[in-house]
Amino acid sequence: MRSCRTLAASPARRAARRAAGAALLGAALAGLLAPGAAAAKPSPGQLAQQLGAAAQQLETVIEQYNGTQVRLAATQARKAALLAQMAPVQAAMGELEKRIGRYSASLYEHLDGSPLTALIAAGSPRTLLDQLTILDHLSWVTRREVGALDQVQQRYEQQQADLDALLAQQRVQRADLAIKRAEIETQIEQLSRLRYTLYGGRLPYFPHDRYVPPYLPGPAGIAIRYAYGQLGRPYQWGAAGPESYDCSGLTMAAWHAAGVSLPHSAAMQWAQVAHVSRADLQPGDLVFYYGNIHHVGMYVGDDRIIHAPTVGEPVSIAPIDEAPIHGYGRPVPG
């Protein structure tokens, strides 16, 4: 059972954590790949322990990447919605500008030249007064409308500026993780070699748990049947199907099939679901692992979960207590 975590708040902390994680992972990999390590002939248990530590470092970054992608997509959606809200305000401002132009033309037409010219054009003093009163009223109404729309437009423009700043920050984070992604792909290749070494030059064998979840009606049943149908699919970080999954990608896809939207992040899923106790746990509920919530699986009954474990291990059924449990959550259909 492995990982998931949110991105550090500041670039300095993010860089420090990345460096620390890379150092730990590098040490684990170096200890296994160095020529001296082969001579020392570490036991399979020692190899498995170091391999697990390396995999957890990779999984931490995977969930950081997932969380950043979710937040970036949400910010982009907020900006698109804001631009849609601004469109009618901008259209109204354009129409007001045309009306102001027409009022200005009318004032010029009636008042250009001498008062006598305006009086002659009006036909009588009363007609001229009526025309000026109407123009003055229309001008006052227009100024009031312009002021109101201008306030709305300024508010939207400030919100847009705030969102643009947030987008810029999140894009920097994504670029930072894109660099980390290249490192991860190299490290995954090394981990694959480690697994090959760990199993004596053979691909690891993962025994299949033959447990079949009982039929369950409703959304939870749909989610379970979807997850069960993915057994044996490969783990792929950042993936949410249909050919491969990571931990939160599998639970997100399963509950999406049941009509429930979950984010592609274990920590974000924990924040969204209704929390339940172990005694109230039901099939379809999610089980969250580790103190900082860096792994998630789906409870299917009989103290078992279906989950996407880690790099090199396919979607499988596992004991619910395989790793330290943080808590339990129930997705709620909307």
C-alpha atoms as a PDB file:
ATOM      1  CA  MET A   1       0.000   0.000   0.000  1.00  0.00           C
ATOM      2  CA  ARG A   2       1.481   3.341  -0.854  1.00  0.00           C
ATOM      3  CA  SER A   3       0.912   7.046  -1.251  1.00  0.00           C
ATOM      4  CA  CYS A   4      -0.643  10.462  -2.010  1.00  0.00           C
ATOM      5  CA  ARG A   5       0.027  14.030  -0.752  1.00  0.00           C
ATOM      6  CA  THR A   6      -0.617  17.677  -1.500  1.00  0.00           C
ATOM      7  CA  LEU A   7       1.900  20.106  -2.941  1.00  0.00           C
ATOM      8  CA  ALA A   8       3.848  22.330  -0.530  1.00  0.00           C
ATOM      9  CA  ALA A   9       2.515  25.858  -0.176  1.00  0.00           C
ATOM     10  CA  SER A  10       5.659  27.783  -1.091  1.00  0.00           C
ATOM     11  CA  PRO A  11       8.258  27.237  -3.841  1.00  0.00           C
ATOM     12  CA  ALA A  12      11.048  27.091  -1.240  1.00  0.00           C
ATOM     13  CA  ARG A  13       9.319  24.419   0.838  1.00  0.00           C
ATOM     14  CA  ARG A  14       8.330  22.569  -2.321  1.00  0.00           C
ATOM     15  CA  ALA A  15      11.912  22.541  -3.561  1.00  0.00           C
ATOM     16  CA  ALA A  16      13.198  21.442  -0.137  1.00  0.00           C
ATOM     17  CA  ARG A  17      10.735  18.570   0.053  1.00  0.00           C
ATOM     18  CA  ARG A  18      11.502  17.551  -3.507  1.00  0.00           C
ATOM     19  CA  ALA A  19      15.211  17.532  -2.763  1.00  0.00           C
ATOM     20  CA  ALA A  20      14.693  15.562   0.439  1.00  0.00           C
ATOM     21  CA  GLY A  21      12.476  13.050  -1.316  1.00  0.00           C
ATOM     22  CA  ALA A  22      14.921  12.682  -4.174  1.00  0.00           C
ATOM     23  CA  ALA A  23      17.768  12.167  -1.691  1.00  0.00           C
ATOM     24  CA  LEU A  24      15.892   9.421   0.160  1.00  0.00           C
ATOM     25  CA  LEU A  25      14.859   7.739  -3.051  1.00  0.00           C
ATOM     26  CA  GLY A  26      18.339   8.100  -4.489  1.00  0.00           C
ATOM     27  CA  ALA A  27      19.813   6.502  -1.385  1.00  0.00           C
ATOM     28  CA  ALA A  28      17.371   3.611  -1.621  1.00  0.00           C
ATOM     29  CA  LEU A  29      18.100   3.099  -5.303  1.00  0.00           C
ATOM     30  CA  ALA A  30      21.844   3.490  -4.902  1.00  0.00           C
ATOM     31  CA  GLY A  31      21.906   0.979  -2.088  1.00  0.00           C
ATOM     32  CA  LEU A  32      20.241  -1.560  -4.327  1.00  0.00           C
ATOM     33  CA  LEU A  33      21.917  -0.809  -7.640  1.00  0.00           C
ATOM     34  CA  ALA A  34      25.515  -0.272  -6.489  1.00  0.00           C
ATOM     35  CA  PRO A  35      27.976  -3.055  -7.383  1.00  0.00           C
ATOM     36  CA  GLY A  36      28.856  -3.451  -3.708  1.00  0.00           C
ATOM     37  CA  ALA A  37      25.243  -4.144  -2.879  1.00  0.00           C
ATOM     38  CA  ALA A  38      25.245  -7.266  -5.022  1.00  0.00           C
ATOM     39  CA  ALA A  39      28.398  -8.494  -3.275  1.00  0.00           C
ATOM     40  CA  ALA A  40      26.794  -7.933   0.122  1.00  0.00           C
ATOM     41  CA  LYS A  41      23.865 -10.117  -0.940  1.00  0.00           C
ATOM     42  CA  PRO A  42      21.085  -8.363   1.002  1.00  0.00           C
ATOM     43  CA  SER A  43      18.245 -10.576   2.064  1.00  0.00           C
ATOM     44  CA  PRO A  44      14.937 -10.516   0.147  1.00  0.00           C
ATOM     45  CA  GLY A  45      13.391  -8.846   3.194  1.00  0.00           C
ATOM     46  CA  GLN A  46      15.948  -6.026   3.102  1.00  0.00           C
ATOM     47  CA  LEU A  47      15.440  -5.578  -0.631  1.00  0.00           C
ATOM     48  CA  ALA A  48      11.668  -5.460  -0.184  1.00  0.00           C
ATOM     49  CA  GLN A  49      11.992  -2.882   2.612  1.00  0.00           C
ATOM     50  CA  GLN A  50      14.200  -0.592   0.533  1.00  0.00           C
ATOM     51  CA  LEU A  51      11.986  -1.061  -2.496  1.00  0.00           C
ATOM     52  CA  GLY A  52       8.930  -0.076  -0.445  1.00  0.00           C
ATOM     53  CA  ALA A  53      10.658   3.087   0.781  1.00  0.00           C
ATOM     54  CA  ALA A  54      11.593   4.054  -2.775  1.00  0.00           C
ATOM     55  CA  ALA A  55       8.069   3.406  -4.037  1.00  0.00           C
ATOM     56  CA  GLN A  56       6.552   5.586  -1.301  1.00  0.00           C
ATOM     57  CA  GLN A  57       8.758   8.494  -2.347  1.00  0.00           C
ATOM     58  CA  LEU A  58       7.501   8.140  -5.913  1.00  0.00           C
ATOM     59  CA  GLU A  59       3.876   7.886  -4.835  1.00  0.00           C
ATOM     60  CA  THR A  60       4.127  11.062  -2.766  1.00  0.00           C
ATOM     61  CA  VAL A  61       5.067  13.040  -5.863  1.00  0.00           C
ATOM     62  CA  ILE A  62       2.333  11.290  -7.851  1.00  0.00           C
ATOM     63  CA  GLU A  63      -0.335  12.634  -5.522  1.00  0.00           C
ATOM     64  CA  GLN A  64       1.274  16.073  -5.527  1.00  0.00           C
ATOM     65  CA  TYR A  65       1.012  16.036  -9.303  1.00  0.00           C
ATOM     66  CA  ASN A  66      -2.610  14.842  -9.204  1.00  0.00           C
ATOM     67  CA  GLY A  67      -3.580  17.552  -6.713  1.00  0.00           C
ATOM     68  CA  THR A  68      -1.925  20.295  -8.761  1.00  0.00           C
ATOM     69  CA  GLN A  69      -3.737  19.152 -11.896  1.00  0.00           C
ATOM     70  CA  VAL A  70      -7.088  19.163 -10.072  1.00  0.00           C
ATOM     71  CA  ARG A  71      -6.533  22.664  -8.683  1.00  0.00           C
ATOM     72  CA  LEU A  72      -5.355  24.027 -12.035  1.00  0.00           C
ATOM     73  CA  ALA A  73      -8.384  22.622 -13.843  1.00  0.00           C
ATOM     74  CA  ALA A  74     -10.686  24.106 -11.190  1.00  0.00           C
ATOM     75  CA  THR A  75      -9.080  27.543 -11.532  1.00  0.00           C
ATOM     76  CA  GLN A  76      -9.365  27.407 -15.318  1.00  0.00           C
ATOM     77  CA  ALA A  77     -13.048  26.509 -14.992  1.00  0.00           C
ATOM     78  CA  ARG A  78     -13.603  29.429 -12.591  1.00  0.00           C
ATOM     79  CA  LYS A  79     -11.973  31.809 -15.054  1.00  0.00           C
ATOM     80  CA  ALA A  80     -14.096  30.523 -17.929  1.00  0.00           C
ATOM     81  CA  ALA A  81     -17.247  30.992 -15.821  1.00  0.00           C
ATOM     82  CA  LEU A  82     -16.155  34.511 -14.878  1.00  0.00           C
ATOM     83  CA  LEU A  83     -15.552  35.450 -18.513  1.00  0.00           C
ATOM     84  CA  ALA A  84     -19.032  34.152 -19.337  1.00  0.00           C
ATOM     85  CA  GLN A  85     -20.493  36.342 -16.576  1.00  0.00           C
ATOM     86  CA  MET A  86     -18.552  39.368 -17.841  1.00  0.00           C
ATOM     87  CA  ALA A  87     -19.848  39.037 -21.409  1.00  0.00           C
ATOM     88  CA  PRO A  88     -23.346  40.521 -20.829  1.00  0.00           C
ATOM     89  CA  VAL A  89     -21.880  43.342 -18.708  1.00  0.00           C
ATOM     90  CA  GLN A  90     -19.479  44.249 -21.498  1.00  0.00           C
ATOM     91  CA  ALA A  91     -22.332  44.068 -24.013  1.00  0.00           C
ATOM     92  CA  ALA A  92     -24.427  46.393 -21.839  1.00  0.00           C
ATOM     93  CA  MET A  93     -21.537  48.846 -21.581  1.00  0.00           C
ATOM     94  CA  GLY A  94     -21.226  48.828 -25.356  1.00  0.00           C
ATOM     95  CA  GLU A  95     -24.933  49.568 -25.754  1.00  0.00           C
ATOM     96  CA  LEU A  96     -24.682  52.432 -23.253  1.00  0.00           C
ATOM     97  CA  GLU A  97     -21.784  53.909 -25.192  1.00  0.00           C
ATOM     98  CA  LYS A  98     -24.003  53.956 -28.296  1.00  0.00           C
ATOM     99  CA  ARG A  99     -26.815  55.646 -26.343  1.00  0.00           C
ATOM    100  CA  ILE A 100     -24.413  58.232 -24.972  1.00  0.00           C
ATOM    101  CA  GLY A 101     -23.325  58.921 -28.526  1.00  0.00           C
ATOM    102  CA  ARG A 102     -26.919  59.439 -29.599  1.00  0.00           C
ATOM    103  CA  TYR A 103     -27.605  61.772 -26.637  1.00  0.00           C
ATOM    104  CA  SER A 104     -24.509  63.777 -27.437  1.00  0.00           C
ATOM    105  CA  ALA A 105     -25.630  64.136 -31.033  1.00  0.00           C
ATOM    106  CA  SER A 106     -29.065  65.319 -29.881  1.00  0.00           C
ATOM    107  CA  LEU A 107     -27.582  67.905 -27.527  1.00  0.00           C
ATOM    108  CA  TYR A 108     -25.303  69.166 -30.278  1.00  0.00           C
ATOM    109  CA  GLU A 109     -28.209  69.331 -32.697  1.00  0.00           C
ATOM    110  CA  HIS A 110     -30.389  71.374 -30.301  1.00  0.00           C
ATOM    111  CA  LEU A 111     -27.842  73.586 -28.607  1.00  0.00           C
ATOM    112  CA  ASP A 112     -25.186  74.186 -31.249  1.00  0.00           C
ATOM    113  CA  GLY A 113     -25.049  77.853 -32.147  1.00  0.00           C
ATOM    114  CA  SER A 114     -26.879  80.699 -30.459  1.00  0.00           C
ATOM    115  CA  PRO A 115     -29.903  80.400 -28.127  1.00  0.00           C
ATOM    116  CA  LEU A 116     -31.967  82.091 -30.856  1.00  0.00           C
ATOM    117  CA  THR A 117     -31.012  79.330 -33.323  1.00  0.00           C
ATOM    118  CA  ALA A 118     -32.080  76.651 -30.803  1.00  0.00           C
ATOM    119  CA  LEU A 119     -35.369  78.490 -30.140  1.00  0.00           C
ATOM    120  CA  ILE A 120     -36.137  78.787 -33.847  1.00  0.00           C
ATOM    121  CA  ALA A 121     -35.361  75.099 -34.380  1.00  0.00           C
ATOM    122  CA  ALA A 122     -37.638  74.110 -31.473  1.00  0.00           C
ATOM    123  CA  GLY A 123     -40.509  76.292 -32.643  1.00  0.00           C
ATOM    124  CA  SER A 124     -41.300  77.688 -29.175  1.00  0.00           C
ATOM    125  CA  PRO A 125     -39.671  78.205 -25.762  1.00  0.00           C
ATOM    126  CA  ARG A 126     -41.912  75.497 -24.200  1.00  0.00           C
ATOM    127  CA  THR A 127     -40.887  72.908 -26.829  1.00  0.00           C
ATOM    128  CA  LEU A 128     -37.219  73.743 -26.311  1.00  0.00           C
ATOM    129  CA  LEU A 129     -37.646  73.402 -22.524  1.00  0.00           C
ATOM    130  CA  ASP A 130     -39.370  70.045 -22.934  1.00  0.00           C
ATOM    131  CA  GLN A 131     -36.593  68.784 -25.167  1.00  0.00           C
ATOM    132  CA  LEU A 132     -33.870  69.930 -22.767  1.00  0.00           C
ATOM    133  CA  THR A 133     -35.721  68.347 -19.816  1.00  0.00           C
ATOM    134  CA  ILE A 134     -35.960  65.009 -21.624  1.00  0.00           C
ATOM    135  CA  LEU A 135     -32.298  65.115 -22.601  1.00  0.00           C
ATOM    136  CA  ASP A 136     -31.284  66.013 -19.057  1.00  0.00           C
ATOM    137  CA  HIS A 137     -33.322  63.131 -17.639  1.00  0.00           C
ATOM    138  CA  LEU A 138     -31.927  60.667 -20.152  1.00  0.00           C
ATOM    139  CA  SER A 139     -28.436  61.901 -19.409  1.00  0.00           C
ATOM    140  CA  TRP A 140     -28.964  61.406 -15.642  1.00  0.00           C
ATOM    141  CA  VAL A 141     -30.342  57.879 -16.153  1.00  0.00           C
ATOM    142  CA  THR A 142     -27.408  57.046 -18.413  1.00  0.00           C
ATOM    143  CA  ARG A 143     -24.855  58.304 -15.909  1.00  0.00           C
ATOM    144  CA  ARG A 144     -26.448  56.192 -13.185  1.00  0.00           C
ATOM    145  CA  GLU A 145     -26.439  53.096 -15.392  1.00  0.00           C
ATOM    146  CA  VAL A 146     -22.844  53.708 -16.424  1.00  0.00           C
ATOM    147  CA  GLY A 147     -21.810  54.043 -12.784  1.00  0.00           C
ATOM    148  CA  ALA A 148     -23.545  50.797 -11.777  1.00  0.00           C
ATOM    149  CA  LEU A 149     -22.148  48.826 -14.698  1.00  0.00           C
ATOM    150  CA  ASP A 150     -18.709  50.266 -14.164  1.00  0.00           C
ATOM    151  CA  GLN A 151     -18.701  49.009 -10.552  1.00  0.00           C
ATOM    152  CA  VAL A 152     -19.732  45.539 -11.694  1.00  0.00           C
ATOM    153  CA  GLN A 153     -17.090  45.541 -14.412  1.00  0.00           C
ATOM    154  CA  GLN A 154     -14.387  46.651 -11.980  1.00  0.00           C
ATOM    155  CA  ARG A 155     -15.354  43.840  -9.605  1.00  0.00           C
ATOM    156  CA  TYR A 156     -15.176  41.268 -12.390  1.00  0.00           C
ATOM    157  CA  GLU A 157     -11.851  42.624 -13.603  1.00  0.00           C
ATOM    158  CA  GLN A 158     -10.394  42.351 -10.084  1.00  0.00           C
ATOM    159  CA  GLN A 159     -11.627  38.761  -9.817  1.00  0.00           C
ATOM    160  CA  GLN A 160     -10.099  38.019 -13.206  1.00  0.00           C
ATOM    161  CA  ALA A 161      -6.778  39.519 -12.119  1.00  0.00           C
ATOM    162  CA  ASP A 162      -6.832  37.375  -8.965  1.00  0.00           C
ATOM    163  CA  LEU A 163      -7.571  34.251 -10.993  1.00  0.00           C
ATOM    164  CA  ASP A 164      -4.839  35.094 -13.499  1.00  0.00           C
ATOM    165  CA  ALA A 165      -2.351  35.380 -10.622  1.00  0.00           C
ATOM    166  CA  LEU A 166      -3.502  32.043  -9.221  1.00  0.00           C
ATOM    167  CA  LEU A 167      -3.252  30.421 -12.651  1.00  0.00           C
ATOM    168  CA  ALA A 168       0.287  31.726 -13.049  1.00  0.00           C
ATOM    169  CA  GLN A 169       1.247  30.271  -9.661  1.00  0.00           C
ATOM    170  CA  GLN A 170      -0.318  26.902 -10.443  1.00  0.00           C
ATOM    171  CA  ARG A 171       1.345  26.772 -13.854  1.00  0.00           C
ATOM    172  CA  VAL A 172       4.705  27.313 -12.152  1.00  0.00           C
ATOM    173  CA  GLN A 173       3.875  24.409  -9.857  1.00  0.00           C
ATOM    174  CA  ARG A 174       2.895  22.268 -12.837  1.00  0.00           C
ATOM    175  CA  ALA A 175       6.131  23.163 -14.634  1.00  0.00           C
ATOM    176  CA  ASP A 176       8.065  22.235 -11.506  1.00  0.00           C
ATOM    177  CA  LEU A 177       6.286  18.895 -11.380  1.00  0.00           C
ATOM    178  CA  ALA A 178       6.873  18.360 -15.108  1.00  0.00           C
ATOM    179  CA  ILE A 179      10.589  18.388 -14.340  1.00  0.00           C
ATOM    180  CA  LYS A 180       9.944  16.026 -11.461  1.00  0.00           C
ATOM    181  CA  ARG A 181       7.893  13.843 -13.808  1.00  0.00           C
ATOM    182  CA  ALA A 182      10.974  13.169 -15.945  1.00  0.00           C
ATOM    183  CA  GLU A 183      12.851  12.170 -12.802  1.00  0.00           C
ATOM    184  CA  ILE A 184       9.968   9.923 -11.748  1.00  0.00           C
ATOM    185  CA  GLU A 185       9.926   8.118 -15.078  1.00  0.00           C
ATOM    186  CA  THR A 186      13.639   7.404 -14.738  1.00  0.00           C
ATOM    187  CA  GLN A 187      13.150   6.231 -11.166  1.00  0.00           C
ATOM    188  CA  ILE A 188      10.238   4.000 -12.187  1.00  0.00           C
ATOM    189  CA  GLU A 189      12.513   2.305 -14.684  1.00  0.00           C
ATOM    190  CA  GLN A 190      15.033   1.753 -11.903  1.00  0.00           C
ATOM    191  CA  LEU A 191      12.325   0.387  -9.634  1.00  0.00           C
ATOM    192  CA  SER A 192      11.312  -2.071 -12.334  1.00  0.00           C
ATOM    193  CA  ARG A 193      14.887  -3.284 -12.473  1.00  0.00           C
ATOM    194  CA  LEU A 194      14.906  -3.542  -8.677  1.00  0.00           C
ATOM    195  CA  ARG A 195      11.769  -5.667  -8.718  1.00  0.00           C
ATOM    196  CA  TYR A 196      13.370  -7.894 -11.324  1.00  0.00           C
ATOM    197  CA  THR A 197      16.433  -8.261  -9.089  1.00  0.00           C
ATOM    198  CA  LEU A 198      14.312  -8.779  -5.999  1.00  0.00           C
ATOM    199  CA  TYR A 199      12.576 -11.762  -7.580  1.00  0.00           C
ATOM    200  CA  GLY A 200      15.795 -13.433  -8.746  1.00  0.00           C
ATOM    201  CA  GLY A 201      15.666 -12.350 -12.370  1.00  0.00           C
ATOM    202  CA  ARG A 202      11.979 -13.173 -12.760  1.00  0.00           C
ATOM    203  CA  LEU A 203       8.938 -10.947 -12.959  1.00  0.00           C
ATOM    204  CA  PRO A 204       7.176 -10.793  -9.574  1.00  0.00           C
ATOM    205  CA  TYR A 205       4.107 -12.952  -9.137  1.00  0.00           C
ATOM    206  CA  PHE A 206       1.120 -11.392  -7.418  1.00  0.00           C
ATOM    207  CA  PRO A 207      -1.317 -14.068  -6.246  1.00  0.00           C
ATOM    208  CA  HIS A 208      -4.914 -13.298  -7.106  1.00  0.00           C
ATOM    209  CA  ASP A 209      -7.350 -13.073  -4.213  1.00  0.00           C
ATOM    210  CA  ARG A 210     -10.357 -15.067  -5.359  1.00  0.00           C
ATOM    211  CA  TYR A 211     -12.822 -13.122  -3.233  1.00  0.00           C
ATOM    212  CA  VAL A 212     -15.916 -12.050  -5.191  1.00  0.00           C
ATOM    213  CA  PRO A 213     -17.898  -9.164  -3.669  1.00  0.00           C
ATOM    214  CA  PRO A 214     -21.593 -10.032  -3.196  1.00  0.00           C
ATOM    215  CA  TYR A 215     -24.097  -8.274  -5.416  1.00  0.00           C
ATOM    216  CA  LEU A 216     -25.095  -4.867  -4.084  1.00  0.00           C
ATOM    217  CA  PRO A 217     -27.777  -2.663  -5.692  1.00  0.00           C
ATOM    218  CA  GLY A 218     -27.527   1.080  -6.087  1.00  0.00           C
ATOM    219  CA  PRO A 219     -24.558   3.419  -6.707  1.00  0.00           C
ATOM    220  CA  ALA A 220     -22.213   1.608  -4.283  1.00  0.00           C
ATOM    221  CA  GLY A 221     -22.826  -1.651  -6.117  1.00  0.00           C
ATOM    222  CA  ILE A 222     -22.076  -0.012  -9.457  1.00  0.00           C
ATOM    223  CA  ALA A 223     -18.820   1.416  -8.092  1.00  0.00           C
ATOM    224  CA  ILE A 224     -17.748  -1.969  -6.694  1.00  0.00           C
ATOM    225  CA  ARG A 225     -18.516  -3.809  -9.926  1.00  0.00           C
ATOM    226  CA  TYR A 226     -16.510  -1.252 -11.880  1.00  0.00           C
ATOM    227  CA  ALA A 227     -13.511  -1.560  -9.552  1.00  0.00           C
ATOM    228  CA  TYR A 228     -13.742  -5.364  -9.567  1.00  0.00           C
ATOM    229  CA  GLY A 229     -13.695  -5.290 -13.362  1.00  0.00           C
ATOM    230  CA  GLN A 230     -10.303  -3.540 -13.269  1.00  0.00           C
ATOM    231  CA  LEU A 231      -8.511  -6.328 -11.374  1.00  0.00           C
ATOM    232  CA  GLY A 232      -5.167  -7.026 -13.020  1.00  0.00           C
ATOM    233  CA  ARG A 233      -4.966  -3.656 -14.776  1.00  0.00           C
ATOM    234  CA  PRO A 234      -1.509  -2.107 -14.431  1.00  0.00           C
ATOM    235  CA  TYR A 235      -0.633   0.704 -12.089  1.00  0.00           C
ATOM    236  CA  GLN A 236       0.199   3.949 -13.886  1.00  0.00           C
ATOM    237  CA  TRP A 237       0.804   7.143 -11.980  1.00  0.00           C
ATOM    238  CA  GLY A 238      -1.573   9.961 -12.903  1.00  0.00           C
ATOM    239  CA  ALA A 239      -3.919   7.519 -14.685  1.00  0.00           C
ATOM    240  CA  ALA A 240      -7.660   7.120 -14.162  1.00  0.00           C
ATOM    241  CA  GLY A 241      -8.451   4.400 -16.704  1.00  0.00           C
ATOM    242  CA  PRO A 242      -9.613   2.728 -18.664  1.00  0.00           C
ATOM    243  CA  GLU A 243      -6.379   0.786 -19.226  1.00  0.00           C
ATOM    244  CA  SER A 244      -4.402   1.719 -16.090  1.00  0.00           C
ATOM    245  CA  TYR A 245      -4.859   3.503 -12.755  1.00  0.00           C
ATOM    246  CA  ASP A 246      -3.207   5.009  -9.732  1.00  0.00           C
ATOM    247  CA  CYS A 247      -4.832   4.784  -6.293  1.00  0.00           C
ATOM    248  CA  SER A 248      -7.109   7.825  -6.405  1.00  0.00           C
ATOM    249  CA  GLY A 249      -7.659   7.409 -10.151  1.00  0.00           C
ATOM    250  CA  LEU A 250      -9.265   4.000  -9.545  1.00  0.00           C
ATOM    251  CA  THR A 251     -11.649   5.185  -6.817  1.00  0.00           C
ATOM    252  CA  MET A 252     -12.507   8.296  -8.848  1.00  0.00           C
ATOM    253  CA  ALA A 253     -13.306   6.248 -11.971  1.00  0.00           C
ATOM    254  CA  ALA A 254     -15.317   3.651 -10.048  1.00  0.00           C
ATOM    255  CA  TRP A 255     -17.556   6.187  -8.378  1.00  0.00           C
ATOM    256  CA  HIS A 256     -17.812   8.204 -11.595  1.00  0.00           C
ATOM    257  CA  ALA A 257     -19.403   5.107 -13.147  1.00  0.00           C
ATOM    258  CA  ALA A 258     -21.985   5.349 -10.354  1.00  0.00           C
ATOM    259  CA  GLY A 259     -22.676   9.017 -11.104  1.00  0.00           C
ATOM    260  CA  VAL A 260     -20.615  10.513  -8.262  1.00  0.00           C
ATOM    261  CA  SER A 261     -17.852  13.005  -8.988  1.00  0.00           C
ATOM    262  CA  LEU A 262     -14.642  12.727  -6.956  1.00  0.00           C
ATOM    263  CA  PRO A 263     -11.340  14.590  -7.461  1.00  0.00           C
ATOM    264  CA  HIS A 264      -8.215  12.775  -8.605  1.00  0.00           C
ATOM    265  CA  SER A 265      -6.483  13.035  -5.245  1.00  0.00           C
ATOM    266  CA  ALA A 266      -6.771  10.878  -2.113  1.00  0.00           C
ATOM    267  CA  ALA A 267      -6.531  13.875   0.231  1.00  0.00           C
ATOM    268  CA  MET A 268      -9.158  15.800  -1.769  1.00  0.00           C
ATOM    269  CA  GLN A 269     -11.446  12.768  -1.797  1.00  0.00           C
ATOM    270  CA  TRP A 270     -11.165  12.549   1.992  1.00  0.00           C
ATOM    271  CA  ALA A 271     -12.205  16.203   2.233  1.00  0.00           C
ATOM    272  CA  GLN A 272     -15.293  15.570   0.075  1.00  0.00           C
ATOM    273  CA  VAL A 273     -16.775  12.309   1.380  1.00  0.00           C
ATOM    274  CA  ALA A 274     -18.935  11.793   4.446  1.00  0.00           C
ATOM    275  CA  HIS A 275     -16.756  10.324   7.206  1.00  0.00           C
ATOM    276  CA  VAL A 276     -17.933   7.093   8.833  1.00  0.00           C
ATOM    277  CA  SER A 277     -16.619   4.822  11.576  1.00  0.00           C
ATOM    278  CA  ARG A 278     -15.185   1.346  11.164  1.00  0.00           C
ATOM    279  CA  ALA A 279     -18.355  -0.065  12.709  1.00  0.00           C
ATOM    280  CA  ASP A 280     -20.484   1.698  10.066  1.00  0.00           C
ATOM    281  CA  LEU A 281     -18.246   0.706   7.138  1.00  0.00           C
ATOM    282  CA  GLN A 282     -20.195  -0.566   4.117  1.00  0.00           C
ATOM    283  CA  PRO A 283     -19.105  -1.991   0.737  1.00  0.00           C
ATOM    284  CA  GLY A 284     -18.343   0.859  -1.640  1.00  0.00           C
ATOM    285  CA  ASP A 285     -16.952   3.103   1.102  1.00  0.00           C
ATOM    286  CA  LEU A 286     -13.418   4.416   0.701  1.00  0.00           C
ATOM    287  CA  VAL A 287     -10.568   3.566   3.051  1.00  0.00           C
ATOM    288  CA  PHE A 288      -7.850   6.200   3.470  1.00  0.00           C
ATOM    289  CA  TYR A 289      -4.358   5.353   4.626  1.00  0.00           C
ATOM    290  CA  TYR A 290      -1.476   6.990   6.511  1.00  0.00           C
ATOM    291  CA  GLY A 291      -1.537  10.106   8.661  1.00  0.00           C
ATOM    292  CA  ASN A 292      -1.210  12.504   5.743  1.00  0.00           C
ATOM    293  CA  ILE A 293      -3.631  10.488   3.541  1.00  0.00           C
ATOM    294  CA  HIS A 294      -1.423   9.259   0.748  1.00  0.00           C
ATOM    295  CA  HIS A 295      -3.327   6.190  -0.346  1.00  0.00           C
ATOM    296  CA  VAL A 296      -6.964   5.190  -0.873  1.00  0.00           C
ATOM    297  CA  GLY A 297      -8.807   1.962  -1.667  1.00  0.00           C
ATOM    298  CA  MET A 298     -12.428   0.805  -1.906  1.00  0.00           C
ATOM    299  CA  TYR A 299     -13.945  -1.473   0.736  1.00  0.00           C
ATOM    300  CA  VAL A 300     -15.661  -4.488  -0.859  1.00  0.00           C
ATOM    301  CA  GLY A 301     -16.607  -6.521   2.260  1.00  0.00           C
ATOM    302  CA  ASP A 302     -15.050  -9.281   4.355  1.00  0.00           C
ATOM    303  CA  ASP A 303     -12.263  -6.931   5.552  1.00  0.00           C
ATOM    304  CA  ARG A 304     -10.960  -6.480   1.996  1.00  0.00           C
ATOM    305  CA  ILE A 305     -10.349  -3.565  -0.340  1.00  0.00           C
ATOM    306  CA  ILE A 306      -9.763  -3.189  -4.067  1.00  0.00           C
ATOM    307  CA  HIS A 307      -6.957  -0.752  -4.802  1.00  0.00           C
ATOM    308  CA  ALA A 308      -4.204   0.226  -7.218  1.00  0.00           C
ATOM    309  CA  PRO A 309      -1.209  -0.487  -4.955  1.00  0.00           C
ATOM    310  CA  THR A 310       1.938   1.032  -6.462  1.00  0.00           C
ATOM    311  CA  VAL A 311       4.363   0.996  -9.377  1.00  0.00           C
ATOM    312  CA  GLY A 312       4.708  -2.511 -10.777  1.00  0.00           C
ATOM    313  CA  GLU A 313       1.718  -3.949  -8.893  1.00  0.00           C
ATOM    314  CA  PRO A 314      -1.626  -4.319 -10.671  1.00  0.00           C
ATOM    315  CA  VAL A 315      -5.079  -3.465  -9.352  1.00  0.00           C
ATOM    316  CA  SER A 316      -5.810  -6.125  -6.761  1.00  0.00           C
ATOM    317  CA  ILE A 317      -7.762  -7.161  -3.683  1.00  0.00           C
ATOM    318  CA  ALA A 318      -5.927  -6.762  -0.374  1.00  0.00           C
ATOM    319  CA  PRO A 319      -6.631  -6.994   3.372  1.00  0.00           C
ATOM    320  CA  ILE A 320      -8.093  -3.762   4.701  1.00  0.00           C
ATOM    321  CA  ASP A 321      -5.461  -3.527   7.447  1.00  0.00           C
ATOM    322  CA  GLU A 322      -2.482  -3.897   5.129  1.00  0.00           C
ATOM    323  CA  ALA A 323      -1.318  -0.377   6.058  1.00  0.00           C
ATOM    324  CA  PRO A 324      -2.113   2.204   8.785  1.00  0.00           C
ATOM    325  CA  ILE A 325      -5.665   3.471   8.285  1.00  0.00           C
ATOM    326  CA  HIS A 326      -6.419   7.184   8.528  1.00  0.00           C
ATOM    327  CA  GLY A 327     -10.195   6.896   8.242  1.00  0.00           C
ATOM    328  CA  TYR A 328     -13.227   5.862   6.225  1.00  0.00           C
ATOM    329  CA  GLY A 329     -15.432   7.860   3.890  1.00  0.00           C
ATOM    330  CA  ARG A 330     -18.678   7.387   2.007  1.00  0.00           C
ATOM    331  CA  PRO A 331     -19.204   9.129  -1.349  1.00  0.00           C
ATOM    332  CA  VAL A 332     -22.634  10.713  -1.412  1.00  0.00           C
ATOM    333  CA  PRO A 333     -24.622  10.650  -4.668  1.00  0.00           C
ATOM    334  CA  GLY A 334     -25.666  14.167  -5.664  1.00  0.00           C
END
